[in-house]
């Protein structure tokens, strides 16, 4: 029996976060998993406009269910200073983390 936790890769599971209802669907898809990897391609532009609340809602729901989320975002500055700040604030967060690559995401999620 493998001791490696199950990690859902959004693109492989058909997860795309465009709206609040997509967050609930993503959580349902991940209910038996340990964690989720999202890339910037899996996230609508509204996710990076922090005023929409989409990022905050995703973080809150996954945190409430103690699911780890790695967001692969090599260049947060491409989305503005607020996203840079958010990525910095989550650089050592236990459940939500911004990372530079899928490999870095897998390493963190398997630790």
PDB file of N, CA and C in Angstrom:
ATOM      1  N   UNK A   1       0.838  -1.188   0.000  1.00  0.00           N
ATOM      2  CA  UNK A   1       0.000   0.000   0.000  1.00  0.00           C
ATOM      3  C   UNK A   1       0.875   1.240   0.000  1.00  0.00           C
ATOM      4  N   UNK A   2       0.586   2.183  -0.889  1.00  0.00           N
ATOM      5  CA  UNK A   2       1.371   3.399  -1.021  1.00  0.00           C
ATOM      6  C   UNK A   2       1.056   4.359   0.119  1.00  0.00           C
ATOM      7  N   UNK A   3       2.094   5.037   0.594  1.00  0.00           N
ATOM      8  CA  UNK A   3       1.889   6.049   1.629  1.00  0.00           C
ATOM      9  C   UNK A   3       1.895   7.450   1.037  1.00  0.00           C
ATOM     10  N   UNK A   4       2.070   7.555  -0.287  1.00  0.00           N
ATOM     11  CA  UNK A   4       2.053   8.850  -0.935  1.00  0.00           C
ATOM     12  C   UNK A   4       0.626   9.384  -0.962  1.00  0.00           C
ATOM     13  N   UNK A   5       0.421  10.601  -0.462  1.00  0.00           N
ATOM     14  CA  UNK A   5      -0.930  11.169  -0.468  1.00  0.00           C
ATOM     15  C   UNK A   5      -1.405  11.418  -1.892  1.00  0.00           C
ATOM     16  N   UNK A   6      -2.718  11.329  -2.083  1.00  0.00           N
ATOM     17  CA  UNK A   6      -3.286  11.576  -3.405  1.00  0.00           C
ATOM     18  C   UNK A   6      -3.335  13.078  -3.660  1.00  0.00           C
ATOM     19  N   UNK A   7      -2.773  13.452  -4.794  1.00  0.00           N
ATOM     20  CA  UNK A   7      -2.760  14.849  -5.207  1.00  0.00           C
ATOM     21  C   UNK A   7      -3.540  14.955  -6.513  1.00  0.00           C
ATOM     22  N   UNK A   8      -4.511  15.848  -6.537  1.00  0.00           N
ATOM     23  CA  UNK A   8      -5.293  16.099  -7.746  1.00  0.00           C
ATOM     24  C   UNK A   8      -4.620  17.234  -8.510  1.00  0.00           C
ATOM     25  N   UNK A   9      -4.353  16.987  -9.783  1.00  0.00           N
ATOM     26  CA  UNK A   9      -3.827  18.028 -10.668  1.00  0.00           C
ATOM     27  C   UNK A   9      -5.023  18.576 -11.437  1.00  0.00           C
ATOM     28  N   UNK A  10      -5.302  19.858 -11.236  1.00  0.00           N
ATOM     29  CA  UNK A  10      -6.528  20.460 -11.775  1.00  0.00           C
ATOM     30  C   UNK A  10      -6.713  20.184 -13.261  1.00  0.00           C
ATOM     31  N   UNK A  11      -5.676  20.387 -14.057  1.00  0.00           N
ATOM     32  CA  UNK A  11      -5.815  20.223 -15.504  1.00  0.00           C
ATOM     33  C   UNK A  11      -6.161  18.792 -15.885  1.00  0.00           C
ATOM     34  N   UNK A  12      -5.675  17.826 -15.113  1.00  0.00           N
ATOM     35  CA  UNK A  12      -5.959  16.414 -15.392  1.00  0.00           C
ATOM     36  C   UNK A  12      -7.357  16.010 -14.928  1.00  0.00           C
ATOM     37  N   UNK A  13      -7.901  16.742 -13.956  1.00  0.00           N
ATOM     38  CA  UNK A  13      -9.216  16.417 -13.395  1.00  0.00           C
ATOM     39  C   UNK A  13     -10.326  17.278 -13.994  1.00  0.00           C
ATOM     40  N   UNK A  14      -9.985  18.141 -14.934  1.00  0.00           N
ATOM     41  CA  UNK A  14     -10.990  19.001 -15.546  1.00  0.00           C
ATOM     42  C   UNK A  14     -11.453  20.132 -14.652  1.00  0.00           C
ATOM     43  N   UNK A  15     -10.613  20.540 -13.724  1.00  0.00           N
ATOM     44  CA  UNK A  15     -10.960  21.636 -12.810  1.00  0.00           C
ATOM     45  C   UNK A  15     -10.475  22.954 -13.404  1.00  0.00           C
ATOM     46  N   UNK A  16     -11.394  23.914 -13.491  1.00  0.00           N
ATOM     47  CA  UNK A  16     -11.065  25.265 -13.927  1.00  0.00           C
ATOM     48  C   UNK A  16     -11.862  26.212 -13.038  1.00  0.00           C
ATOM     49  N   UNK A  17     -11.195  27.119 -12.372  1.00  0.00           N
ATOM     50  CA  UNK A  17     -11.852  28.026 -11.430  1.00  0.00           C
ATOM     51  C   UNK A  17     -12.218  29.324 -12.159  1.00  0.00           C
ATOM     52  N   UNK A  18     -13.504  29.459 -12.467  1.00  0.00           N
ATOM     53  CA  UNK A  18     -14.036  30.643 -13.137  1.00  0.00           C
ATOM     54  C   UNK A  18     -15.018  31.393 -12.243  1.00  0.00           C
ATOM     55  N   UNK A  19     -15.630  30.672 -11.300  1.00  0.00           N
ATOM     56  CA  UNK A  19     -16.694  31.257 -10.483  1.00  0.00           C
ATOM     57  C   UNK A  19     -16.706  30.594  -9.110  1.00  0.00           C
ATOM     58  N   UNK A  20     -17.529  31.132  -8.230  1.00  0.00           N
ATOM     59  CA  UNK A  20     -17.634  30.563  -6.880  1.00  0.00           C
ATOM     60  C   UNK A  20     -18.132  29.120  -6.918  1.00  0.00           C
ATOM     61  N   UNK A  21     -19.052  28.810  -7.828  1.00  0.00           N
ATOM     62  CA  UNK A  21     -19.560  27.424  -7.896  1.00  0.00           C
ATOM     63  C   UNK A  21     -18.472  26.455  -8.340  1.00  0.00           C
ATOM     64  N   UNK A  22     -17.507  26.928  -9.131  1.00  0.00           N
ATOM     65  CA  UNK A  22     -16.398  26.061  -9.533  1.00  0.00           C
ATOM     66  C   UNK A  22     -15.541  25.653  -8.336  1.00  0.00           C
ATOM     67  N   UNK A  23     -15.485  26.514  -7.332  1.00  0.00           N
ATOM     68  CA  UNK A  23     -14.706  26.202  -6.134  1.00  0.00           C
ATOM     69  C   UNK A  23     -15.332  25.018  -5.402  1.00  0.00           C
ATOM     70  N   UNK A  24     -16.646  25.033  -5.249  1.00  0.00           N
ATOM     71  CA  UNK A  24     -17.334  23.912  -4.597  1.00  0.00           C
ATOM     72  C   UNK A  24     -17.157  22.624  -5.389  1.00  0.00           C
ATOM     73  N   UNK A  25     -17.252  22.711  -6.705  1.00  0.00           N
ATOM     74  CA  UNK A  25     -17.049  21.528  -7.538  1.00  0.00           C
ATOM     75  C   UNK A  25     -15.624  20.999  -7.408  1.00  0.00           C
ATOM     76  N   UNK A  26     -14.651  21.907  -7.363  1.00  0.00           N
ATOM     77  CA  UNK A  26     -13.254  21.494  -7.194  1.00  0.00           C
ATOM     78  C   UNK A  26     -13.060  20.801  -5.856  1.00  0.00           C
ATOM     79  N   UNK A  27     -13.660  21.344  -4.822  1.00  0.00           N
ATOM     80  CA  UNK A  27     -13.552  20.734  -3.502  1.00  0.00           C
ATOM     81  C   UNK A  27     -14.172  19.340  -3.504  1.00  0.00           C
ATOM     82  N   UNK A  28     -15.322  19.187  -4.148  1.00  0.00           N
ATOM     83  CA  UNK A  28     -15.944  17.860  -4.254  1.00  0.00           C
ATOM     84  C   UNK A  28     -15.049  16.883  -4.983  1.00  0.00           C
ATOM     85  N   UNK A  29     -14.387  17.334  -6.035  1.00  0.00           N
ATOM     86  CA  UNK A  29     -13.474  16.475  -6.783  1.00  0.00           C
ATOM     87  C   UNK A  29     -12.294  16.041  -5.914  1.00  0.00           C
ATOM     88  N   UNK A  30     -11.897  16.914  -4.999  1.00  0.00           N
ATOM     89  CA  UNK A  30     -10.714  16.656  -4.162  1.00  0.00           C
ATOM     90  C   UNK A  30     -11.046  16.040  -2.805  1.00  0.00           C
ATOM     91  N   UNK A  31     -12.293  15.717  -2.564  1.00  0.00           N
ATOM     92  CA  UNK A  31     -12.709  15.301  -1.217  1.00  0.00           C
ATOM     93  C   UNK A  31     -11.937  14.077  -0.704  1.00  0.00           C
ATOM     94  N   UNK A  32     -11.588  13.157  -1.582  1.00  0.00           N
ATOM     95  CA  UNK A  32     -10.833  11.974  -1.156  1.00  0.00           C
ATOM     96  C   UNK A  32      -9.333  12.150  -1.341  1.00  0.00           C
ATOM     97  N   UNK A  33      -8.936  13.334  -1.749  1.00  0.00           N
ATOM     98  CA  UNK A  33      -7.518  13.613  -1.987  1.00  0.00           C
ATOM     99  C   UNK A  33      -6.940  14.403  -0.828  1.00  0.00           C
ATOM    100  N   UNK A  34      -5.653  14.497  -0.852  1.00  0.00           N
ATOM    101  CA  UNK A  34      -4.911  15.235   0.156  1.00  0.00           C
ATOM    102  C   UNK A  34      -4.713  16.693  -0.268  1.00  0.00           C
ATOM    103  N   UNK A  35      -4.596  16.897  -1.604  1.00  0.00           N
ATOM    104  CA  UNK A  35      -4.194  18.214  -2.064  1.00  0.00           C
ATOM    105  C   UNK A  35      -4.580  18.445  -3.518  1.00  0.00           C
ATOM    106  N   UNK A  36      -4.430  19.708  -3.932  1.00  0.00           N
ATOM    107  CA  UNK A  36      -4.758  20.136  -5.285  1.00  0.00           C
ATOM    108  C   UNK A  36      -3.622  20.994  -5.824  1.00  0.00           C
ATOM    109  N   UNK A  37      -3.267  20.751  -7.085  1.00  0.00           N
ATOM    110  CA  UNK A  37      -2.309  21.615  -7.780  1.00  0.00           C
ATOM    111  C   UNK A  37      -3.071  22.394  -8.845  1.00  0.00           C
ATOM    112  N   UNK A  38      -2.965  23.712  -8.757  1.00  0.00           N
ATOM    113  CA  UNK A  38      -3.558  24.608  -9.736  1.00  0.00           C
ATOM    114  C   UNK A  38      -2.441  25.370 -10.443  1.00  0.00           C
ATOM    115  N   UNK A  39      -2.581  25.566 -11.749  1.00  0.00           N
ATOM    116  CA  UNK A  39      -1.663  26.433 -12.475  1.00  0.00           C
ATOM    117  C   UNK A  39      -2.423  27.678 -12.892  1.00  0.00           C
ATOM    118  N   UNK A  40      -1.708  28.673 -13.362  1.00  0.00           N
ATOM    119  CA  UNK A  40      -2.407  29.896 -13.762  1.00  0.00           C
ATOM    120  C   UNK A  40      -3.359  29.640 -14.916  1.00  0.00           C
ATOM    121  N   UNK A  41      -3.129  28.600 -15.715  1.00  0.00           N
ATOM    122  CA  UNK A  41      -4.052  28.246 -16.796  1.00  0.00           C
ATOM    123  C   UNK A  41      -5.368  27.675 -16.259  1.00  0.00           C
ATOM    124  N   UNK A  42      -5.364  27.188 -15.027  1.00  0.00           N
ATOM    125  CA  UNK A  42      -6.566  26.626 -14.403  1.00  0.00           C
ATOM    126  C   UNK A  42      -7.424  27.698 -13.729  1.00  0.00           C
ATOM    127  N   UNK A  43      -6.940  28.916 -13.740  1.00  0.00           N
ATOM    128  CA  UNK A  43      -7.591  30.003 -13.009  1.00  0.00           C
ATOM    129  C   UNK A  43      -8.018  31.117 -13.957  1.00  0.00           C
ATOM    130  N   UNK A  44      -9.246  31.552 -13.817  1.00  0.00           N
ATOM    131  CA  UNK A  44      -9.750  32.661 -14.623  1.00  0.00           C
ATOM    132  C   UNK A  44      -9.015  33.944 -14.251  1.00  0.00           C
ATOM    133  N   UNK A  45      -8.945  34.904 -15.166  1.00  0.00           N
ATOM    134  CA  UNK A  45      -8.302  36.187 -14.845  1.00  0.00           C
ATOM    135  C   UNK A  45      -8.877  36.838 -13.583  1.00  0.00           C
ATOM    136  N   UNK A  46     -10.163  36.623 -13.327  1.00  0.00           N
ATOM    137  CA  UNK A  46     -10.795  37.199 -12.133  1.00  0.00           C
ATOM    138  C   UNK A  46     -10.155  36.700 -10.833  1.00  0.00           C
ATOM    139  N   UNK A  47      -9.573  35.511 -10.853  1.00  0.00           N
ATOM    140  CA  UNK A  47      -8.906  34.980  -9.664  1.00  0.00           C
ATOM    141  C   UNK A  47      -7.805  35.937  -9.202  1.00  0.00           C
ATOM    142  N   UNK A  48      -7.103  36.523 -10.171  1.00  0.00           N
ATOM    143  CA  UNK A  48      -5.962  37.380  -9.865  1.00  0.00           C
ATOM    144  C   UNK A  48      -6.369  38.822  -9.577  1.00  0.00           C
ATOM    145  N   UNK A  49      -7.648  39.153  -9.776  1.00  0.00           N
ATOM    146  CA  UNK A  49      -8.197  40.436  -9.364  1.00  0.00           C
ATOM    147  C   UNK A  49      -8.783  40.198  -7.977  1.00  0.00           C
ATOM    148  N   UNK A  50      -7.998  40.463  -6.973  1.00  0.00           N
ATOM    149  CA  UNK A  50      -8.364  40.071  -5.609  1.00  0.00           C
ATOM    150  C   UNK A  50      -9.651  40.734  -5.124  1.00  0.00           C
ATOM    151  N   UNK A  51     -10.082  41.799  -5.786  1.00  0.00           N
ATOM    152  CA  UNK A  51     -11.333  42.459  -5.407  1.00  0.00           C
ATOM    153  C   UNK A  51     -12.551  41.577  -5.684  1.00  0.00           C
ATOM    154  N   UNK A  52     -12.437  40.596  -6.566  1.00  0.00           N
ATOM    155  CA  UNK A  52     -13.579  39.736  -6.897  1.00  0.00           C
ATOM    156  C   UNK A  52     -13.900  38.762  -5.774  1.00  0.00           C
ATOM    157  N   UNK A  53     -12.922  38.470  -4.921  1.00  0.00           N
ATOM    158  CA  UNK A  53     -13.134  37.528  -3.827  1.00  0.00           C
ATOM    159  C   UNK A  53     -12.967  36.068  -4.225  1.00  0.00           C
ATOM    160  N   UNK A  54     -12.680  35.801  -5.490  1.00  0.00           N
ATOM    161  CA  UNK A  54     -12.558  34.417  -5.956  1.00  0.00           C
ATOM    162  C   UNK A  54     -11.384  33.700  -5.280  1.00  0.00           C
ATOM    163  N   UNK A  55     -10.250  34.357  -5.206  1.00  0.00           N
ATOM    164  CA  UNK A  55      -9.088  33.753  -4.542  1.00  0.00           C
ATOM    165  C   UNK A  55      -9.374  33.527  -3.061  1.00  0.00           C
ATOM    166  N   UNK A  56      -9.933  34.534  -2.417  1.00  0.00           N
ATOM    167  CA  UNK A  56     -10.227  34.418  -0.988  1.00  0.00           C
ATOM    168  C   UNK A  56     -11.198  33.295  -0.685  1.00  0.00           C
ATOM    169  N   UNK A  57     -12.198  33.134  -1.523  1.00  0.00           N
ATOM    170  CA  UNK A  57     -13.179  32.062  -1.328  1.00  0.00           C
ATOM    171  C   UNK A  57     -12.536  30.690  -1.511  1.00  0.00           C
ATOM    172  N   UNK A  58     -11.691  30.556  -2.522  1.00  0.00           N
ATOM    173  CA  UNK A  58     -10.999  29.287  -2.731  1.00  0.00           C
ATOM    174  C   UNK A  58     -10.127  28.961  -1.517  1.00  0.00           C
ATOM    175  N   UNK A  59      -9.365  29.939  -1.065  1.00  0.00           N
ATOM    176  CA  UNK A  59      -8.494  29.725   0.089  1.00  0.00           C
ATOM    177  C   UNK A  59      -9.304  29.334   1.319  1.00  0.00           C
ATOM    178  N   UNK A  60     -10.408  30.024   1.561  1.00  0.00           N
ATOM    179  CA  UNK A  60     -11.227  29.752   2.742  1.00  0.00           C
ATOM    180  C   UNK A  60     -11.829  28.352   2.710  1.00  0.00           C
ATOM    181  N   UNK A  61     -12.423  27.982   1.564  1.00  0.00           N
ATOM    182  CA  UNK A  61     -13.067  26.658   1.486  1.00  0.00           C
ATOM    183  C   UNK A  61     -12.070  25.529   1.647  1.00  0.00           C
ATOM    184  N   UNK A  62     -10.939  25.620   0.964  1.00  0.00           N
ATOM    185  CA  UNK A  62      -9.960  24.543   1.055  1.00  0.00           C
ATOM    186  C   UNK A  62      -9.312  24.501   2.436  1.00  0.00           C
ATOM    187  N   UNK A  63      -9.131  25.655   3.054  1.00  0.00           N
ATOM    188  CA  UNK A  63      -8.594  25.693   4.417  1.00  0.00           C
ATOM    189  C   UNK A  63      -9.586  25.081   5.400  1.00  0.00           C
ATOM    190  N   UNK A  64     -10.867  25.404   5.251  1.00  0.00           N
ATOM    191  CA  UNK A  64     -11.886  24.837   6.134  1.00  0.00           C
ATOM    192  C   UNK A  64     -11.882  23.312   6.100  1.00  0.00           C
ATOM    193  N   UNK A  65     -11.598  22.742   4.931  1.00  0.00           N
ATOM    194  CA  UNK A  65     -11.585  21.281   4.788  1.00  0.00           C
ATOM    195  C   UNK A  65     -10.186  20.690   4.941  1.00  0.00           C
ATOM    196  N   UNK A  66      -9.230  21.541   5.338  1.00  0.00           N
ATOM    197  CA  UNK A  66      -7.849  21.108   5.593  1.00  0.00           C
ATOM    198  C   UNK A  66      -7.225  20.433   4.367  1.00  0.00           C
ATOM    199  N   UNK A  67      -7.509  20.972   3.199  1.00  0.00           N
ATOM    200  CA  UNK A  67      -6.930  20.485   1.942  1.00  0.00           C
ATOM    201  C   UNK A  67      -5.823  21.442   1.538  1.00  0.00           C
ATOM    202  N   UNK A  68      -4.684  20.885   1.180  1.00  0.00           N
ATOM    203  CA  UNK A  68      -3.565  21.708   0.741  1.00  0.00           C
ATOM    204  C   UNK A  68      -3.735  22.070  -0.732  1.00  0.00           C
ATOM    205  N   UNK A  69      -3.358  23.304  -1.058  1.00  0.00           N
ATOM    206  CA  UNK A  69      -3.431  23.789  -2.427  1.00  0.00           C
ATOM    207  C   UNK A  69      -2.097  24.429  -2.788  1.00  0.00           C
ATOM    208  N   UNK A  70      -1.518  23.950  -3.889  1.00  0.00           N
ATOM    209  CA  UNK A  70      -0.316  24.568  -4.440  1.00  0.00           C
ATOM    210  C   UNK A  70      -0.721  25.273  -5.726  1.00  0.00           C
ATOM    211  N   UNK A  71      -0.392  26.544  -5.800  1.00  0.00           N
ATOM    212  CA  UNK A  71      -0.699  27.341  -6.992  1.00  0.00           C
ATOM    213  C   UNK A  71       0.618  27.611  -7.709  1.00  0.00           C
ATOM    214  N   UNK A  72       0.741  27.025  -8.898  1.00  0.00           N
ATOM    215  CA  UNK A  72       1.962  27.203  -9.679  1.00  0.00           C
ATOM    216  C   UNK A  72       1.864  28.543 -10.397  1.00  0.00           C
ATOM    217  N   UNK A  73       2.683  29.473  -9.950  1.00  0.00           N
ATOM    218  CA  UNK A  73       2.665  30.826 -10.492  1.00  0.00           C
ATOM    219  C   UNK A  73       4.105  31.347 -10.521  1.00  0.00           C
ATOM    220  N   UNK A  74       4.832  31.058 -11.605  1.00  0.00           N
ATOM    221  CA  UNK A  74       6.241  31.431 -11.668  1.00  0.00           C
ATOM    222  C   UNK A  74       6.501  32.931 -11.587  1.00  0.00           C
ATOM    223  N   UNK A  75       5.550  33.750 -12.056  1.00  0.00           N
ATOM    224  CA  UNK A  75       5.765  35.187 -12.079  1.00  0.00           C
ATOM    225  C   UNK A  75       4.555  35.945 -11.521  1.00  0.00           C
ATOM    226  N   UNK A  76       4.412  35.984 -10.203  1.00  0.00           N
ATOM    227  CA  UNK A  76       3.273  36.697  -9.616  1.00  0.00           C
ATOM    228  C   UNK A  76       3.207  38.166 -10.028  1.00  0.00           C
ATOM    229  N   UNK A  77       4.348  38.772 -10.310  1.00  0.00           N
ATOM    230  CA  UNK A  77       4.388  40.190 -10.673  1.00  0.00           C
ATOM    231  C   UNK A  77       3.614  40.469 -11.962  1.00  0.00           C
ATOM    232  N   UNK A  78       3.410  39.457 -12.788  1.00  0.00           N
ATOM    233  CA  UNK A  78       2.636  39.634 -14.021  1.00  0.00           C
ATOM    234  C   UNK A  78       1.187  40.011 -13.707  1.00  0.00           C
ATOM    235  N   UNK A  79       0.751  39.766 -12.470  1.00  0.00           N
ATOM    236  CA  UNK A  79      -0.631  40.045 -12.066  1.00  0.00           C
ATOM    237  C   UNK A  79      -0.735  41.229 -11.110  1.00  0.00           C
ATOM    238  N   UNK A  80       0.369  41.910 -10.873  1.00  0.00           N
ATOM    239  CA  UNK A  80       0.340  43.117 -10.056  1.00  0.00           C
ATOM    240  C   UNK A  80       0.884  42.920  -8.647  1.00  0.00           C
ATOM    241  N   UNK A  81       1.082  44.039  -7.995  1.00  0.00           N
ATOM    242  CA  UNK A  81       1.695  44.051  -6.666  1.00  0.00           C
ATOM    243  C   UNK A  81       0.863  43.321  -5.612  1.00  0.00           C
ATOM    244  N   UNK A  82      -0.455  43.400  -5.713  1.00  0.00           N
ATOM    245  CA  UNK A  82      -1.306  42.712  -4.729  1.00  0.00           C
ATOM    246  C   UNK A  82      -1.091  41.197  -4.781  1.00  0.00           C
ATOM    247  N   UNK A  83      -0.964  40.642  -5.978  1.00  0.00           N
ATOM    248  CA  UNK A  83      -0.740  39.195  -6.116  1.00  0.00           C
ATOM    249  C   UNK A  83       0.663  38.846  -5.626  1.00  0.00           C
ATOM    250  N   UNK A  84       1.638  39.723  -5.866  1.00  0.00           N
ATOM    251  CA  UNK A  84       2.990  39.516  -5.330  1.00  0.00           C
ATOM    252  C   UNK A  84       2.925  39.439  -3.801  1.00  0.00           C
ATOM    253  N   UNK A  85       2.188  40.370  -3.195  1.00  0.00           N
ATOM    254  CA  UNK A  85       2.034  40.378  -1.734  1.00  0.00           C
ATOM    255  C   UNK A  85       1.352  39.099  -1.248  1.00  0.00           C
ATOM    256  N   UNK A  86       0.301  38.693  -1.947  1.00  0.00           N
ATOM    257  CA  UNK A  86      -0.417  37.475  -1.570  1.00  0.00           C
ATOM    258  C   UNK A  86       0.507  36.263  -1.640  1.00  0.00           C
ATOM    259  N   UNK A  87       1.267  36.157  -2.713  1.00  0.00           N
ATOM    260  CA  UNK A  87       2.202  35.042  -2.863  1.00  0.00           C
ATOM    261  C   UNK A  87       3.251  35.064  -1.750  1.00  0.00           C
ATOM    262  N   UNK A  88       3.734  36.245  -1.417  1.00  0.00           N
ATOM    263  CA  UNK A  88       4.728  36.377  -0.348  1.00  0.00           C
ATOM    264  C   UNK A  88       4.132  35.967   0.997  1.00  0.00           C
ATOM    265  N   UNK A  89       2.902  36.407   1.267  1.00  0.00           N
ATOM    266  CA  UNK A  89       2.229  36.067   2.527  1.00  0.00           C
ATOM    267  C   UNK A  89       2.027  34.563   2.666  1.00  0.00           C
ATOM    268  N   UNK A  90       1.878  33.878   1.543  1.00  0.00           N
ATOM    269  CA  UNK A  90       1.628  32.436   1.567  1.00  0.00           C
ATOM    270  C   UNK A  90       2.878  31.610   1.294  1.00  0.00           C
ATOM    271  N   UNK A  91       4.047  32.218   1.394  1.00  0.00           N
ATOM    272  CA  UNK A  91       5.288  31.494   1.093  1.00  0.00           C
ATOM    273  C   UNK A  91       5.597  30.398   2.110  1.00  0.00           C
ATOM    274  N   UNK A  92       5.015  30.505   3.290  1.00  0.00           N
ATOM    275  CA  UNK A  92       5.248  29.455   4.294  1.00  0.00           C
ATOM    276  C   UNK A  92       3.940  28.968   4.916  1.00  0.00           C
ATOM    277  N   UNK A  93       2.827  29.259   4.276  1.00  0.00           N
ATOM    278  CA  UNK A  93       1.515  28.842   4.769  1.00  0.00           C
ATOM    279  C   UNK A  93       1.425  27.318   4.757  1.00  0.00           C
ATOM    280  N   UNK A  94       0.789  26.765   5.744  1.00  0.00           N
ATOM    281  CA  UNK A  94       0.685  25.312   5.848  1.00  0.00           C
ATOM    282  C   UNK A  94      -0.272  24.654   4.876  1.00  0.00           C
ATOM    283  N   UNK A  95      -1.248  25.401   4.365  1.00  0.00           N
ATOM    284  CA  UNK A  95      -2.262  24.795   3.493  1.00  0.00           C
ATOM    285  C   UNK A  95      -2.328  25.394   2.090  1.00  0.00           C
ATOM    286  N   UNK A  96      -1.987  26.651   1.946  1.00  0.00           N
ATOM    287  CA  UNK A  96      -2.057  27.317   0.644  1.00  0.00           C
ATOM    288  C   UNK A  96      -0.677  27.880   0.343  1.00  0.00           C
ATOM    289  N   UNK A  97      -0.121  27.500  -0.799  1.00  0.00           N
ATOM    290  CA  UNK A  97       1.214  27.988  -1.124  1.00  0.00           C
ATOM    291  C   UNK A  97       1.351  28.262  -2.614  1.00  0.00           C
ATOM    292  N   UNK A  98       2.022  29.362  -2.919  1.00  0.00           N
ATOM    293  CA  UNK A  98       2.382  29.685  -4.294  1.00  0.00           C
ATOM    294  C   UNK A  98       3.769  29.117  -4.550  1.00  0.00           C
ATOM    295  N   UNK A  99       3.943  28.445  -5.674  1.00  0.00           N
ATOM    296  CA  UNK A  99       5.218  27.816  -6.021  1.00  0.00           C
ATOM    297  C   UNK A  99       5.576  28.162  -7.463  1.00  0.00           C
ATOM    298  N   UNK A 100       6.821  27.864  -7.833  1.00  0.00           N
ATOM    299  CA  UNK A 100       7.318  28.217  -9.162  1.00  0.00           C
ATOM    300  C   UNK A 100       7.092  27.155 -10.226  1.00  0.00           C
ATOM    301  N   UNK A 101       6.889  25.910  -9.812  1.00  0.00           N
ATOM    302  CA  UNK A 101       6.770  24.829 -10.797  1.00  0.00           C
ATOM    303  C   UNK A 101       5.903  23.698 -10.247  1.00  0.00           C
ATOM    304  N   UNK A 102       5.456  22.849 -11.152  1.00  0.00           N
ATOM    305  CA  UNK A 102       4.685  21.680 -10.737  1.00  0.00           C
ATOM    306  C   UNK A 102       5.541  20.763  -9.872  1.00  0.00           C
ATOM    307  N   UNK A 103       6.823  20.647 -10.206  1.00  0.00           N
ATOM    308  CA  UNK A 103       7.734  19.809  -9.417  1.00  0.00           C
ATOM    309  C   UNK A 103       7.859  20.329  -7.990  1.00  0.00           C
ATOM    310  N   UNK A 104       7.966  21.652  -7.851  1.00  0.00           N
ATOM    311  CA  UNK A 104       8.036  22.258  -6.516  1.00  0.00           C
ATOM    312  C   UNK A 104       6.733  22.005  -5.755  1.00  0.00           C
ATOM    313  N   UNK A 105       5.608  22.085  -6.468  1.00  0.00           N
ATOM    314  CA  UNK A 105       4.307  21.810  -5.848  1.00  0.00           C
ATOM    315  C   UNK A 105       4.263  20.383  -5.320  1.00  0.00           C
ATOM    316  N   UNK A 106       4.659  19.425  -6.149  1.00  0.00           N
ATOM    317  CA  UNK A 106       4.634  18.018  -5.734  1.00  0.00           C
ATOM    318  C   UNK A 106       5.562  17.769  -4.549  1.00  0.00           C
ATOM    319  N   UNK A 107       6.728  18.386  -4.554  1.00  0.00           N
ATOM    320  CA  UNK A 107       7.669  18.225  -3.434  1.00  0.00           C
ATOM    321  C   UNK A 107       7.043  18.740  -2.148  1.00  0.00           C
ATOM    322  N   UNK A 108       6.465  19.925  -2.192  1.00  0.00           N
ATOM    323  CA  UNK A 108       5.848  20.490  -0.982  1.00  0.00           C
ATOM    324  C   UNK A 108       4.658  19.645  -0.530  1.00  0.00           C
ATOM    325  N   UNK A 109       3.800  19.257  -1.462  1.00  0.00           N
ATOM    326  CA  UNK A 109       2.593  18.518  -1.094  1.00  0.00           C
ATOM    327  C   UNK A 109       2.899  17.111  -0.590  1.00  0.00           C
ATOM    328  N   UNK A 110       4.013  16.559  -0.982  1.00  0.00           N
ATOM    329  CA  UNK A 110       4.389  15.222  -0.512  1.00  0.00           C
ATOM    330  C   UNK A 110       5.223  15.268   0.754  1.00  0.00           C
ATOM    331  N   UNK A 111       5.518  16.468   1.256  1.00  0.00           N
ATOM    332  CA  UNK A 111       6.356  16.574   2.473  1.00  0.00           C
ATOM    333  C   UNK A 111       5.526  16.452   3.733  1.00  0.00           C
TER     334      UNK A 111
END
